[in-house]
């Protein structure tokens, strides 16, 4: 039979083990800013800022622009001609790609 101390320790261990399932999910969207460019905004589902997160723009497999989200979790760039992709890169499991054709 289990005693109270054993059950309590088991419950505490399960709570800590499940903490990873409460991790934040990245959020990222881009739009035409009306000035010949694109503005992107990022963040996380738990409300955390995306300031400092890497963002880059690829065209035909080549990086043509890169930078980091500013203090407002925004990144703006001049819209390139043709097809391109914007990548929000907050690390493994936290990357989001937005195709230029999906930006309005």
N, C-alpha and C. Protein backbone atom coordinates (compact mmCIF):
# COMPACT_ATOMS: atom_id res chain seq x y z
N UNK A 1 0.85 -1.18 0.00
CA UNK A 1 0.00 0.00 0.00
C UNK A 1 0.89 1.24 0.00
N UNK A 2 0.47 2.25 -0.71
CA UNK A 2 1.23 3.49 -0.79
C UNK A 2 0.95 4.36 0.43
N UNK A 3 2.00 5.01 0.90
CA UNK A 3 1.76 5.97 1.98
C UNK A 3 1.61 7.37 1.38
N UNK A 4 1.19 8.31 2.16
CA UNK A 4 0.93 9.68 1.70
C UNK A 4 2.17 10.30 1.06
N UNK A 5 3.33 10.11 1.66
CA UNK A 5 4.57 10.71 1.16
C UNK A 5 4.89 10.19 -0.25
N UNK A 6 4.73 8.91 -0.51
CA UNK A 6 5.00 8.33 -1.81
C UNK A 6 4.04 8.88 -2.86
N UNK A 7 2.76 8.94 -2.52
CA UNK A 7 1.76 9.46 -3.45
C UNK A 7 2.03 10.93 -3.75
N UNK A 8 2.36 11.71 -2.74
CA UNK A 8 2.66 13.13 -2.92
C UNK A 8 3.85 13.32 -3.86
N UNK A 9 4.93 12.57 -3.64
CA UNK A 9 6.12 12.68 -4.50
C UNK A 9 5.80 12.28 -5.93
N UNK A 10 4.98 11.25 -6.10
CA UNK A 10 4.58 10.82 -7.44
C UNK A 10 3.80 11.92 -8.16
N UNK A 11 2.86 12.56 -7.47
CA UNK A 11 2.07 13.64 -8.05
C UNK A 11 2.96 14.81 -8.43
N UNK A 12 3.89 15.20 -7.57
CA UNK A 12 4.80 16.31 -7.86
C UNK A 12 5.66 15.99 -9.08
N UNK A 13 6.16 14.77 -9.18
CA UNK A 13 6.98 14.38 -10.33
C UNK A 13 6.17 14.43 -11.62
N UNK A 14 4.93 13.99 -11.58
CA UNK A 14 4.08 14.04 -12.77
C UNK A 14 3.78 15.48 -13.20
N UNK A 15 3.58 16.36 -12.24
CA UNK A 15 3.33 17.77 -12.56
C UNK A 15 4.54 18.39 -13.25
N UNK A 16 5.72 18.13 -12.74
CA UNK A 16 6.92 18.68 -13.37
C UNK A 16 7.17 18.06 -14.73
N UNK A 17 6.89 16.79 -14.88
CA UNK A 17 7.08 16.12 -16.16
C UNK A 17 6.14 16.66 -17.23
N UNK A 18 4.95 17.09 -16.83
CA UNK A 18 3.98 17.59 -17.80
C UNK A 18 4.15 19.07 -18.10
N UNK A 19 5.06 19.74 -17.42
CA UNK A 19 5.25 21.18 -17.63
C UNK A 19 5.65 21.48 -19.07
N UNK A 20 6.36 20.57 -19.73
CA UNK A 20 6.76 20.78 -21.12
C UNK A 20 5.58 20.87 -22.06
N UNK A 21 4.48 20.23 -21.71
CA UNK A 21 3.31 20.27 -22.58
C UNK A 21 2.63 21.64 -22.55
N UNK A 22 3.01 22.49 -21.62
CA UNK A 22 2.44 23.83 -21.51
C UNK A 22 3.31 24.87 -22.21
N UNK A 23 4.29 24.42 -23.00
CA UNK A 23 5.21 25.33 -23.68
C UNK A 23 4.45 26.24 -24.65
N UNK A 24 5.08 27.34 -24.98
CA UNK A 24 4.43 28.31 -25.86
C UNK A 24 4.57 27.93 -27.34
N UNK A 25 3.58 28.33 -28.10
CA UNK A 25 3.53 28.08 -29.53
C UNK A 25 3.85 29.39 -30.25
N UNK A 26 4.71 29.36 -31.29
CA UNK A 26 5.02 30.59 -32.01
C UNK A 26 3.84 31.05 -32.87
N UNK A 27 3.70 32.35 -33.00
CA UNK A 27 2.68 32.99 -33.83
C UNK A 27 3.39 33.98 -34.74
N UNK A 28 3.01 34.02 -36.02
CA UNK A 28 3.71 34.89 -36.97
C UNK A 28 2.80 35.21 -38.13
N UNK A 29 2.72 36.47 -38.49
CA UNK A 29 1.93 36.87 -39.66
C UNK A 29 2.60 38.06 -40.34
N UNK A 30 2.35 38.18 -41.64
CA UNK A 30 2.95 39.26 -42.44
C UNK A 30 1.87 39.89 -43.30
N UNK A 31 2.04 41.17 -43.62
CA UNK A 31 1.10 41.88 -44.48
C UNK A 31 1.83 42.95 -45.27
N UNK A 32 1.22 43.33 -46.40
CA UNK A 32 1.73 44.41 -47.22
C UNK A 32 1.48 45.70 -46.46
N UNK A 33 2.53 46.47 -46.20
CA UNK A 33 2.37 47.68 -45.38
C UNK A 33 1.99 48.92 -46.18
N UNK A 34 1.74 48.74 -47.49
CA UNK A 34 1.28 49.86 -48.31
C UNK A 34 2.37 50.83 -48.71
N UNK A 35 3.60 50.55 -48.36
CA UNK A 35 4.72 51.43 -48.69
C UNK A 35 5.75 50.71 -49.55
N UNK A 36 5.29 49.68 -50.29
CA UNK A 36 6.20 48.89 -51.11
C UNK A 36 6.95 47.84 -50.32
N UNK A 37 6.52 47.62 -49.11
CA UNK A 37 7.21 46.66 -48.25
C UNK A 37 6.26 45.73 -47.53
N UNK A 38 6.84 44.90 -46.70
CA UNK A 38 6.10 43.93 -45.92
C UNK A 38 6.47 44.12 -44.46
N UNK A 39 5.49 44.03 -43.58
CA UNK A 39 5.72 44.07 -42.14
C UNK A 39 5.23 42.75 -41.57
N UNK A 40 6.04 42.16 -40.70
CA UNK A 40 5.69 40.92 -40.04
C UNK A 40 5.67 41.14 -38.54
N UNK A 41 4.79 40.43 -37.88
CA UNK A 41 4.66 40.52 -36.43
C UNK A 41 4.69 39.11 -35.87
N UNK A 42 5.39 38.93 -34.77
CA UNK A 42 5.49 37.60 -34.16
C UNK A 42 5.30 37.67 -32.66
N UNK A 43 5.14 36.51 -32.08
CA UNK A 43 4.99 36.39 -30.64
C UNK A 43 4.78 34.93 -30.30
N UNK A 44 4.32 34.69 -29.09
CA UNK A 44 4.09 33.33 -28.62
C UNK A 44 2.73 33.24 -27.94
N UNK A 45 2.15 32.07 -27.98
CA UNK A 45 0.79 31.87 -27.48
C UNK A 45 0.65 32.18 -25.99
N UNK A 46 1.76 32.16 -25.26
CA UNK A 46 1.68 32.49 -23.84
C UNK A 46 1.87 33.97 -23.57
N UNK A 47 1.92 34.78 -24.64
CA UNK A 47 2.06 36.22 -24.50
C UNK A 47 3.50 36.71 -24.51
N UNK A 48 4.45 35.80 -24.62
CA UNK A 48 5.86 36.19 -24.61
C UNK A 48 6.22 36.97 -25.88
N UNK A 49 7.12 37.91 -25.72
CA UNK A 49 7.59 38.73 -26.83
C UNK A 49 8.46 37.91 -27.78
N UNK A 50 8.50 38.31 -29.04
CA UNK A 50 9.39 37.69 -30.02
C UNK A 50 10.57 38.60 -30.34
N UNK A 51 10.77 39.65 -29.54
CA UNK A 51 11.90 40.56 -29.77
C UNK A 51 13.19 39.76 -29.82
N UNK A 52 14.00 40.00 -30.85
CA UNK A 52 15.28 39.33 -30.98
C UNK A 52 15.23 38.02 -31.75
N UNK A 53 14.04 37.54 -32.09
CA UNK A 53 13.92 36.29 -32.86
C UNK A 53 14.38 36.54 -34.29
N UNK A 54 15.13 35.59 -34.83
CA UNK A 54 15.64 35.70 -36.19
C UNK A 54 14.52 35.59 -37.22
N UNK A 55 14.61 36.43 -38.26
CA UNK A 55 13.69 36.38 -39.39
C UNK A 55 14.53 36.50 -40.65
N UNK A 56 14.22 35.69 -41.63
CA UNK A 56 14.92 35.85 -42.91
C UNK A 56 13.98 35.61 -44.07
N UNK A 57 14.38 36.17 -45.20
CA UNK A 57 13.59 36.08 -46.43
C UNK A 57 14.41 35.28 -47.42
N UNK A 58 13.78 34.26 -48.00
CA UNK A 58 14.45 33.42 -48.99
C UNK A 58 13.76 33.51 -50.33
N UNK A 59 14.57 33.51 -51.37
CA UNK A 59 14.06 33.50 -52.75
C UNK A 59 14.91 32.51 -53.52
N UNK A 60 14.27 31.54 -54.13
CA UNK A 60 14.97 30.50 -54.89
C UNK A 60 16.05 29.83 -54.04
N UNK A 61 15.73 29.60 -52.74
CA UNK A 61 16.66 28.90 -51.84
C UNK A 61 17.77 29.74 -51.24
N UNK A 62 17.88 30.99 -51.65
CA UNK A 62 18.94 31.88 -51.17
C UNK A 62 18.37 32.91 -50.20
N UNK A 63 19.09 33.18 -49.10
CA UNK A 63 18.69 34.25 -48.20
C UNK A 63 18.94 35.57 -48.90
N UNK A 64 17.89 36.39 -48.99
CA UNK A 64 18.06 37.70 -49.63
C UNK A 64 17.90 38.83 -48.62
N UNK A 65 17.43 38.49 -47.43
CA UNK A 65 17.27 39.49 -46.37
C UNK A 65 17.21 38.75 -45.04
N UNK A 66 17.75 39.35 -44.01
CA UNK A 66 17.67 38.74 -42.69
C UNK A 66 17.78 39.81 -41.62
N UNK A 67 17.33 39.47 -40.45
CA UNK A 67 17.39 40.39 -39.32
C UNK A 67 16.74 39.75 -38.12
N UNK A 68 16.36 40.60 -37.17
CA UNK A 68 15.71 40.12 -35.95
C UNK A 68 14.47 40.96 -35.68
N UNK A 69 13.51 40.36 -35.02
CA UNK A 69 12.32 41.09 -34.61
C UNK A 69 12.74 42.23 -33.69
N UNK A 70 12.16 43.41 -33.86
CA UNK A 70 12.51 44.56 -33.04
C UNK A 70 11.83 44.48 -31.66
N UNK A 71 11.98 45.53 -30.87
CA UNK A 71 11.42 45.52 -29.51
C UNK A 71 9.90 45.40 -29.50
N UNK A 72 9.26 45.70 -30.63
CA UNK A 72 7.80 45.55 -30.74
C UNK A 72 7.41 44.22 -31.39
N UNK A 73 8.38 43.33 -31.52
CA UNK A 73 8.19 42.02 -32.17
C UNK A 73 7.75 42.16 -33.62
N UNK A 74 8.34 43.15 -34.32
CA UNK A 74 8.04 43.38 -35.73
C UNK A 74 9.32 43.36 -36.56
N UNK A 75 9.16 43.02 -37.83
CA UNK A 75 10.26 43.01 -38.79
C UNK A 75 9.69 43.49 -40.12
N UNK A 76 10.30 44.51 -40.72
CA UNK A 76 9.84 45.04 -42.00
C UNK A 76 10.95 44.95 -43.03
N UNK A 77 10.55 44.77 -44.29
CA UNK A 77 11.52 44.68 -45.37
C UNK A 77 10.86 45.09 -46.68
N UNK A 78 11.69 45.46 -47.65
CA UNK A 78 11.19 45.81 -48.97
C UNK A 78 10.75 44.54 -49.68
N UNK A 79 9.54 44.54 -50.24
CA UNK A 79 9.03 43.32 -50.87
C UNK A 79 9.80 43.00 -52.15
N UNK A 80 10.37 41.80 -52.22
CA UNK A 80 11.09 41.42 -53.44
C UNK A 80 10.13 41.05 -54.57
N UNK A 81 10.63 41.09 -55.79
CA UNK A 81 9.84 40.67 -56.95
C UNK A 81 9.75 39.15 -56.96
N UNK A 82 8.66 38.63 -57.48
CA UNK A 82 8.53 37.18 -57.65
C UNK A 82 8.21 36.43 -56.37
N UNK A 83 8.45 35.13 -56.41
CA UNK A 83 8.13 34.26 -55.28
C UNK A 83 9.22 34.33 -54.21
N UNK A 84 8.80 34.35 -52.96
CA UNK A 84 9.73 34.38 -51.84
C UNK A 84 9.03 33.80 -50.61
N UNK A 85 9.80 33.51 -49.58
CA UNK A 85 9.27 32.98 -48.34
C UNK A 85 9.90 33.72 -47.17
N UNK A 86 9.09 34.06 -46.16
CA UNK A 86 9.58 34.70 -44.94
C UNK A 86 9.60 33.63 -43.86
N UNK A 87 10.72 33.52 -43.14
CA UNK A 87 10.86 32.48 -42.10
C UNK A 87 11.09 33.13 -40.75
N UNK A 88 10.25 32.78 -39.79
CA UNK A 88 10.37 33.17 -38.38
C UNK A 88 11.09 32.00 -37.72
N UNK A 89 12.29 32.24 -37.18
CA UNK A 89 13.12 31.15 -36.66
C UNK A 89 13.45 31.36 -35.19
N UNK A 90 12.58 30.78 -34.34
CA UNK A 90 12.80 30.88 -32.90
C UNK A 90 13.43 29.59 -32.36
N UNK A 91 14.05 28.79 -33.24
CA UNK A 91 14.72 27.56 -32.82
C UNK A 91 13.93 26.33 -33.20
N UNK A 92 14.50 25.17 -32.86
CA UNK A 92 13.88 23.89 -33.20
C UNK A 92 12.43 23.82 -32.73
N UNK A 93 11.55 23.43 -33.65
CA UNK A 93 10.14 23.31 -33.33
C UNK A 93 9.41 24.64 -33.25
N UNK A 94 10.12 25.72 -33.50
CA UNK A 94 9.52 27.05 -33.41
C UNK A 94 9.80 27.87 -34.66
N UNK A 95 9.65 27.23 -35.83
CA UNK A 95 9.84 27.93 -37.10
C UNK A 95 8.51 28.00 -37.83
N UNK A 96 8.27 29.16 -38.42
CA UNK A 96 7.06 29.37 -39.22
C UNK A 96 7.48 29.97 -40.55
N UNK A 97 6.93 29.42 -41.63
CA UNK A 97 7.21 29.94 -42.98
C UNK A 97 5.93 30.55 -43.55
N UNK A 98 6.08 31.73 -44.15
CA UNK A 98 4.96 32.40 -44.82
C UNK A 98 5.39 32.68 -46.26
N UNK A 99 4.66 32.13 -47.20
CA UNK A 99 4.97 32.36 -48.61
C UNK A 99 4.53 33.77 -49.01
N UNK A 100 5.30 34.39 -49.88
CA UNK A 100 4.96 35.73 -50.37
C UNK A 100 3.59 35.80 -50.99
N UNK A 101 3.16 34.71 -51.63
CA UNK A 101 1.83 34.67 -52.27
C UNK A 101 0.69 34.71 -51.26
N UNK A 102 1.01 34.48 -49.97
CA UNK A 102 -0.01 34.51 -48.91
C UNK A 102 -0.05 35.85 -48.18
N UNK A 103 0.79 36.79 -48.62
CA UNK A 103 0.88 38.10 -47.96
C UNK A 103 0.06 39.12 -48.75
N UNK A 104 -0.90 39.75 -48.08
CA UNK A 104 -1.78 40.73 -48.73
C UNK A 104 -1.67 42.07 -48.07
